[in-house]
């Protein structure tokens, strides 16, 4: 207590400093989040994150799909250009065959005039046997193309992409000989043909699939990649037309194993593949394999040129799932 004034030294503060403004107090209380407000905020933030994540995922999926489509289109252009270039060299001095193998897959094989360069070495030949086919399973399905050089002067009988045979030698073959080479049903060396019979000219049968190891794990595997054309290829369909049109639609008629030109008699193989038989005009015949059932074959040779097809339609599918695209190429054939 102050002895002079009689008042205590510890005076009460100003009431205005003790009593706060009620509005200020309310503002201070509302500055903190309640549990409910915090939960609502977290929910909104989570929703925003999910929306943004979905947008990014969809954008990435669209980018991947676009890239896959671009890749498939680029591969398809390469395939189409290759097919057109090969068929531009097709020659009726040899043969043309559309057939299904023992696995039910379609193949195209024909002779073409060059020049053709070996994929293995520096050899150049003026003719080749061109093969198109499909092999493998799942995403390893490969569309392949082999240009086997016809070179009777080759030092080795059959090495890599060479055959010790000339285009002219194919002319002495009968349709029965081609049938043998296509399906190799009679007794003989596995998947090979000996021409002339008892001779020393050996080469791979047309149905001898190329071995394409994917992915390659060695230099030896790399050497086997030369027939590779594109993948994954889940379908290959080959059709032919001779200029005949449908009477109703006036559209060009395309023939294949599902729609033969002469469905009533094309199965008479023995009557068709003999060169001396009158029904040789019917290029199609059925091959009845003990292990694989009936197989379609359409074969044209040098011995009968006026019934060769005027055009081929080749349809193939590249990609898988959403990226799968079907492509088609129609080629007029030289005659």
Protein backbone atom coordinates (compact mmCIF):
# COMPACT_ATOMS: atom_id res chain seq x y z
CA UNK A 1 0.00 0.00 0.00
CA UNK A 2 1.19 3.45 -0.80
CA UNK A 3 1.63 5.27 2.44
CA UNK A 4 1.09 8.63 0.79
CA UNK A 5 -2.09 7.98 -1.08
CA UNK A 6 -3.44 5.17 1.00
CA UNK A 7 -3.93 3.07 -2.07
CA UNK A 8 -2.37 -0.22 -2.89
CA UNK A 9 0.49 -0.25 -5.39
CA UNK A 10 -1.23 -3.10 -7.15
CA UNK A 11 -4.06 -1.15 -8.74
CA UNK A 12 -6.73 -2.88 -10.80
CA UNK A 13 -6.19 -2.57 -14.54
CA UNK A 14 -8.47 -0.63 -16.82
CA UNK A 15 -11.72 -2.53 -17.25
CA UNK A 16 -11.50 -1.90 -21.01
CA UNK A 17 -8.25 -3.87 -21.06
CA UNK A 18 -9.82 -6.74 -19.13
CA UNK A 19 -13.09 -7.05 -20.99
CA UNK A 20 -12.36 -7.96 -24.61
CA UNK A 21 -14.59 -7.03 -27.52
CA UNK A 22 -17.20 -9.81 -27.89
CA UNK A 23 -16.99 -9.73 -31.72
CA UNK A 24 -13.22 -10.18 -31.52
CA UNK A 25 -13.69 -13.19 -29.31
CA UNK A 26 -16.09 -14.75 -31.79
CA UNK A 27 -13.61 -14.22 -34.63
CA UNK A 28 -10.83 -15.90 -32.68
CA UNK A 29 -13.02 -18.90 -31.93
CA UNK A 30 -13.99 -19.33 -35.59
CA UNK A 31 -10.34 -19.18 -36.75
CA UNK A 32 -9.83 -22.85 -35.78
CA UNK A 33 -11.26 -25.81 -37.83
CA UNK A 34 -13.80 -28.03 -36.23
CA UNK A 35 -13.56 -31.82 -36.76
CA UNK A 36 -16.50 -31.75 -39.13
CA UNK A 37 -14.94 -28.97 -41.20
CA UNK A 38 -11.64 -30.87 -41.31
CA UNK A 39 -13.37 -34.06 -42.54
CA UNK A 40 -15.26 -32.13 -45.21
CA UNK A 41 -12.02 -30.49 -46.37
CA UNK A 42 -10.23 -33.87 -46.56
CA UNK A 43 -13.12 -35.34 -48.53
CA UNK A 44 -13.02 -32.52 -51.05
CA UNK A 45 -9.23 -32.79 -51.36
CA UNK A 46 -9.46 -36.55 -51.87
CA UNK A 47 -12.10 -36.08 -54.56
CA UNK A 48 -9.92 -33.54 -56.35
CA UNK A 49 -6.93 -35.91 -56.20
CA UNK A 50 -9.03 -38.78 -57.60
CA UNK A 51 -10.36 -36.62 -60.43
CA UNK A 52 -6.88 -35.39 -61.34
CA UNK A 53 -5.49 -38.93 -61.11
CA UNK A 54 -8.25 -40.26 -63.38
CA UNK A 55 -7.60 -37.50 -65.89
CA UNK A 56 -3.87 -38.25 -65.90
CA UNK A 57 -4.50 -42.00 -66.25
CA UNK A 58 -6.90 -41.48 -69.15
CA UNK A 59 -4.46 -39.07 -70.78
CA UNK A 60 -1.61 -41.59 -70.44
CA UNK A 61 -3.85 -44.36 -71.80
CA UNK A 62 -4.80 -42.18 -74.74
CA UNK A 63 -1.14 -41.40 -75.41
CA UNK A 64 -0.18 -45.10 -75.24
CA UNK A 65 -3.08 -46.05 -77.50
CA UNK A 66 -2.13 -43.32 -79.96
CA UNK A 67 1.51 -44.42 -79.98
CA UNK A 68 0.52 -48.06 -80.48
CA UNK A 69 -1.79 -47.08 -83.33
CA UNK A 70 0.93 -44.98 -84.96
CA UNK A 71 3.36 -47.91 -84.67
CA UNK A 72 0.83 -50.35 -86.14
CA UNK A 73 0.06 -47.96 -89.00
CA UNK A 74 3.76 -47.57 -89.75
CA UNK A 75 4.25 -51.35 -89.72
CA UNK A 76 1.17 -51.77 -91.94
CA UNK A 77 2.52 -49.28 -94.48
CA UNK A 78 5.77 -51.22 -94.60
CA UNK A 79 3.91 -54.49 -95.12
CA UNK A 80 1.65 -53.05 -97.84
CA UNK A 81 4.59 -51.52 -99.70
CA UNK A 82 6.50 -54.80 -99.47
CA UNK A 83 3.54 -56.83 -100.75
CA UNK A 84 2.95 -54.46 -103.66
CA UNK A 85 6.62 -54.47 -104.62
CA UNK A 86 6.84 -58.27 -104.50
CA UNK A 87 3.64 -58.89 -106.46
CA UNK A 88 4.73 -56.36 -109.06
CA UNK A 89 7.49 -58.82 -109.91
CA UNK A 90 5.21 -61.89 -110.04
CA UNK A 91 5.78 -63.98 -113.13
CA UNK A 92 3.53 -66.58 -114.75
CA UNK A 93 6.68 -68.37 -115.86
CA UNK A 94 6.68 -69.96 -112.43
CA UNK A 95 3.75 -70.60 -110.08
CA UNK A 96 1.37 -69.00 -107.59
CA UNK A 97 -0.21 -70.80 -104.63
CA UNK A 98 -2.63 -69.85 -101.86
CA UNK A 99 -2.90 -72.62 -99.33
CA UNK A 100 -3.58 -73.45 -95.71
CA UNK A 101 -1.02 -75.38 -93.71
CA UNK A 102 -1.59 -78.18 -91.21
CA UNK A 103 -2.39 -75.55 -88.55
CA UNK A 104 -5.12 -74.00 -90.67
CA UNK A 105 -3.16 -70.82 -91.37
CA UNK A 106 -3.11 -69.29 -94.83
CA UNK A 107 0.04 -68.81 -96.86
CA UNK A 108 0.95 -67.15 -100.12
CA UNK A 109 3.88 -68.32 -102.22
CA UNK A 110 4.83 -67.28 -105.75
CA UNK A 111 7.76 -66.79 -108.11
CA UNK A 112 8.93 -63.29 -108.98
CA UNK A 113 11.59 -61.80 -111.21
CA UNK A 114 14.30 -59.64 -109.65
CA UNK A 115 16.73 -58.37 -109.00
CA UNK A 116 16.62 -59.71 -105.45
CA UNK A 117 19.43 -59.31 -102.97
CA UNK A 118 20.18 -61.78 -100.25
CA UNK A 119 19.37 -60.71 -96.69
CA UNK A 120 22.30 -62.78 -95.47
CA UNK A 121 25.15 -61.98 -97.84
CA UNK A 122 25.93 -59.96 -100.97
CA UNK A 123 24.42 -62.42 -103.47
CA UNK A 124 22.04 -61.01 -106.08
CA UNK A 125 19.71 -63.19 -108.18
CA UNK A 126 17.33 -62.37 -111.01
CA UNK A 127 14.45 -64.40 -109.56
CA UNK A 128 13.12 -65.44 -106.19
CA UNK A 129 10.43 -67.52 -104.53
CA UNK A 130 8.43 -65.23 -102.24
CA UNK A 131 6.62 -66.63 -99.20
CA UNK A 132 4.20 -64.85 -96.87
CA UNK A 133 2.83 -66.49 -93.75
CA UNK A 134 2.14 -66.21 -90.05
CA UNK A 135 3.64 -68.13 -87.18
CA UNK A 136 3.85 -68.01 -83.39
CA UNK A 137 1.30 -67.60 -80.60
CA UNK A 138 -0.22 -64.78 -78.55
CA UNK A 139 1.67 -61.46 -78.83
CA UNK A 140 4.52 -63.32 -80.54
CA UNK A 141 2.45 -63.95 -83.66
CA UNK A 142 4.77 -62.89 -86.47
CA UNK A 143 3.92 -61.96 -90.04
CA UNK A 144 6.89 -63.16 -92.04
CA UNK A 145 8.11 -62.80 -95.57
CA UNK A 146 10.85 -64.86 -97.21
CA UNK A 147 12.51 -64.00 -100.49
CA UNK A 148 14.46 -67.14 -101.33
CA UNK A 149 16.87 -66.51 -104.17
CA UNK A 150 16.60 -68.91 -107.11
CA UNK A 151 20.19 -69.48 -108.02
CA UNK A 152 21.15 -72.74 -109.69
CA UNK A 153 24.81 -71.73 -109.48
CA UNK A 154 24.78 -71.52 -105.71
CA UNK A 155 27.68 -73.42 -104.22
CA UNK A 156 25.52 -74.93 -101.49
CA UNK A 157 22.25 -76.69 -102.13
CA UNK A 158 20.28 -74.72 -99.56
CA UNK A 159 21.84 -72.09 -97.33
CA UNK A 160 20.01 -69.30 -95.58
CA UNK A 161 17.91 -67.56 -98.24
CA UNK A 162 19.31 -69.40 -101.28
CA UNK A 163 17.98 -72.29 -103.36
CA UNK A 164 20.07 -74.26 -105.78
CA UNK A 165 17.40 -74.12 -108.46
CA UNK A 166 16.49 -71.72 -111.26
CA UNK A 167 13.13 -70.29 -112.28
CA UNK A 168 13.28 -72.31 -115.49
CA UNK A 169 13.47 -75.55 -113.55
CA UNK A 170 10.06 -74.90 -112.02
CA UNK A 171 8.56 -75.25 -115.50
CA UNK A 172 9.14 -78.98 -115.58
CA UNK A 173 7.12 -79.49 -112.42
CA UNK A 174 3.64 -80.91 -112.62
CA UNK A 175 0.89 -79.75 -110.28
CA UNK A 176 1.44 -82.98 -108.41
CA UNK A 177 5.06 -81.96 -107.81
CA UNK A 178 3.97 -78.61 -106.41
CA UNK A 179 1.41 -80.35 -104.27
CA UNK A 180 4.16 -82.52 -102.87
CA UNK A 181 6.32 -79.51 -102.07
CA UNK A 182 3.41 -77.64 -100.49
CA UNK A 183 2.24 -80.44 -98.23
CA UNK A 184 5.05 -83.02 -98.33
CA UNK A 185 2.79 -86.01 -97.87
CA UNK A 186 4.73 -88.73 -99.64
CA UNK A 187 7.74 -90.58 -98.35
CA UNK A 188 10.84 -88.45 -98.52
CA UNK A 189 13.21 -86.28 -96.53
CA UNK A 190 11.36 -84.35 -93.80
CA UNK A 191 10.04 -81.01 -95.13
CA UNK A 192 12.34 -81.10 -98.12
CA UNK A 193 12.04 -81.92 -101.79
CA UNK A 194 14.57 -83.62 -104.01
CA UNK A 195 14.55 -82.40 -107.60
CA UNK A 196 14.96 -84.15 -109.87
CA UNK A 197 14.02 -87.33 -108.06
CA UNK A 198 17.24 -88.93 -106.94
CA UNK A 199 19.18 -85.77 -107.64
CA UNK A 200 21.06 -83.46 -105.31
CA UNK A 201 18.95 -80.30 -105.38
CA UNK A 202 17.44 -79.87 -101.92
CA UNK A 203 15.48 -77.02 -100.52
CA UNK A 204 13.05 -76.26 -97.70
CA UNK A 205 9.44 -77.14 -98.24
CA UNK A 206 7.06 -74.21 -98.62
CA UNK A 207 5.37 -75.13 -95.36
CA UNK A 208 8.64 -75.13 -93.45
CA UNK A 209 8.02 -72.19 -91.12
CA UNK A 210 10.95 -69.87 -90.46
CA UNK A 211 12.29 -69.97 -86.93
CA UNK A 212 12.13 -66.40 -85.58
CA UNK A 213 13.31 -66.22 -81.94
CA UNK A 214 11.79 -63.26 -80.11
CA UNK A 215 13.45 -61.67 -78.35
CA UNK A 216 16.83 -62.70 -79.80
CA UNK A 217 19.27 -63.82 -77.14
CA UNK A 218 22.36 -64.49 -79.21
CA UNK A 219 24.08 -63.67 -82.48
CA UNK A 220 22.70 -66.93 -83.85
CA UNK A 221 19.20 -65.70 -83.02
CA UNK A 222 19.86 -62.40 -84.81
CA UNK A 223 20.76 -64.28 -87.97
CA UNK A 224 17.32 -65.88 -87.94
CA UNK A 225 15.41 -62.59 -87.90
CA UNK A 226 15.69 -61.82 -91.61
CA UNK A 227 12.17 -63.14 -92.52
CA UNK A 228 10.57 -60.95 -89.82
CA UNK A 229 8.05 -58.44 -91.17
CA UNK A 230 5.70 -57.34 -88.36
CA UNK A 231 4.04 -58.37 -85.09
CA UNK A 232 1.80 -59.07 -83.38
CA UNK A 233 -0.20 -60.33 -86.35
CA UNK A 234 -3.33 -62.20 -85.31
CA UNK A 235 -4.83 -62.82 -88.72
CA UNK A 236 -3.80 -63.23 -92.35
CA UNK A 237 -6.39 -63.78 -95.07
CA UNK A 238 -5.62 -64.17 -98.77
CA UNK A 239 -8.30 -64.00 -101.48
CA UNK A 240 -8.20 -64.02 -105.25
CA UNK A 241 -10.42 -62.75 -108.06
CA UNK A 242 -10.57 -63.58 -111.75
CA UNK A 243 -12.78 -60.65 -112.78
CA UNK A 244 -16.14 -62.33 -112.25
CA UNK A 245 -18.80 -60.12 -110.64
CA UNK A 246 -21.90 -60.93 -108.64
CA UNK A 247 -25.00 -60.78 -110.87
CA UNK A 248 -27.02 -58.93 -108.24
CA UNK A 249 -24.59 -56.57 -106.54
CA UNK A 250 -22.29 -56.16 -109.56
CA UNK A 251 -19.42 -56.39 -107.07
CA UNK A 252 -16.20 -58.26 -107.74
CA UNK A 253 -16.28 -61.78 -106.32
CA UNK A 254 -13.39 -62.80 -104.07
CA UNK A 255 -12.59 -66.49 -103.59
CA UNK A 256 -10.88 -68.19 -100.67
CA UNK A 257 -11.10 -71.28 -98.48
CA UNK A 258 -14.44 -70.07 -97.05
CA UNK A 259 -15.88 -69.20 -100.46
CA UNK A 260 -14.46 -71.45 -103.16
CA UNK A 261 -15.09 -70.66 -106.82
CA UNK A 262 -16.54 -74.12 -107.43
CA UNK A 263 -17.76 -75.32 -104.05
CA UNK A 264 -19.31 -78.45 -105.56
CA UNK A 265 -16.23 -79.91 -107.20
CA UNK A 266 -13.18 -78.13 -105.81
CA UNK A 267 -12.60 -80.98 -103.37
CA UNK A 268 -11.75 -83.43 -106.15
CA UNK A 269 -8.04 -83.14 -105.66
CA UNK A 270 -6.99 -86.14 -107.77
CA UNK A 271 -8.89 -84.79 -110.77
CA UNK A 272 -7.54 -81.27 -110.44
CA UNK A 273 -3.82 -81.45 -109.88
CA UNK A 274 -3.04 -83.68 -112.82
CA UNK A 275 -1.89 -81.48 -115.69
CA UNK A 276 -3.49 -83.74 -118.30
CA UNK A 277 -6.96 -83.71 -116.74
CA UNK A 278 -9.66 -81.48 -118.33
CA UNK A 279 -10.68 -80.06 -114.95
CA UNK A 280 -7.33 -78.42 -114.46
CA UNK A 281 -9.08 -75.11 -115.15
CA UNK A 282 -10.33 -75.35 -111.58
CA UNK A 283 -7.33 -74.02 -109.74
CA UNK A 284 -8.75 -74.92 -106.34
CA UNK A 285 -8.58 -78.31 -104.71
CA UNK A 286 -8.81 -79.79 -101.27
CA UNK A 287 -5.97 -81.53 -99.48
CA UNK A 288 -7.13 -84.18 -97.05
CA UNK A 289 -4.44 -84.54 -94.43
CA UNK A 290 -4.69 -87.44 -92.01
CA UNK A 291 -3.46 -85.34 -89.10
CA UNK A 292 -4.98 -81.97 -89.96
CA UNK A 293 -8.22 -82.64 -91.83
CA UNK A 294 -9.15 -80.82 -95.04
CA UNK A 295 -6.94 -78.00 -96.28
CA UNK A 296 -7.66 -75.55 -99.09
CA UNK A 297 -5.22 -74.95 -101.92
CA UNK A 298 -5.44 -72.80 -105.03
CA UNK A 299 -2.54 -73.37 -107.41
CA UNK A 300 -1.64 -71.80 -110.76
CA UNK A 301 1.35 -72.92 -112.82
CA UNK A 302 3.24 -72.10 -115.98
CA UNK A 303 1.42 -74.87 -117.82
CA UNK A 304 -1.95 -73.11 -117.64
CA UNK A 305 -1.61 -69.32 -117.81
CA UNK A 306 -5.06 -68.22 -118.94
CA UNK A 307 -6.78 -69.03 -115.66
CA UNK A 308 -4.44 -67.08 -113.38
CA UNK A 309 -6.19 -64.58 -111.06
CA UNK A 310 -6.42 -60.93 -112.00
CA UNK A 311 -6.03 -59.62 -108.45
CA UNK A 312 -5.27 -60.60 -104.87
CA UNK A 313 -6.78 -59.15 -101.72
CA UNK A 314 -4.69 -59.59 -98.59
CA UNK A 315 -6.11 -58.72 -95.18
CA UNK A 316 -4.04 -58.77 -92.01
CA UNK A 317 -4.50 -57.61 -88.44
CA UNK A 318 -1.76 -55.95 -86.40
CA UNK A 319 -1.82 -55.16 -82.68
CA UNK A 320 -3.73 -56.59 -79.74
CA UNK A 321 -6.75 -55.50 -77.73
CA UNK A 322 -7.74 -51.90 -78.33
CA UNK A 323 -4.71 -51.35 -80.55
CA UNK A 324 -5.70 -54.10 -82.99
CA UNK A 325 -6.23 -52.71 -86.49
CA UNK A 326 -7.25 -54.54 -89.65
CA UNK A 327 -5.53 -53.56 -92.89
CA UNK A 328 -6.26 -54.50 -96.47
CA UNK A 329 -4.31 -54.32 -99.69
CA UNK A 330 -5.65 -55.13 -103.17
CA UNK A 331 -3.10 -55.73 -105.90
CA UNK A 332 -3.66 -56.16 -109.64
CA UNK A 333 -1.52 -59.01 -110.89
CA UNK A 334 0.60 -58.86 -114.04
CA UNK A 335 -0.33 -61.46 -116.65
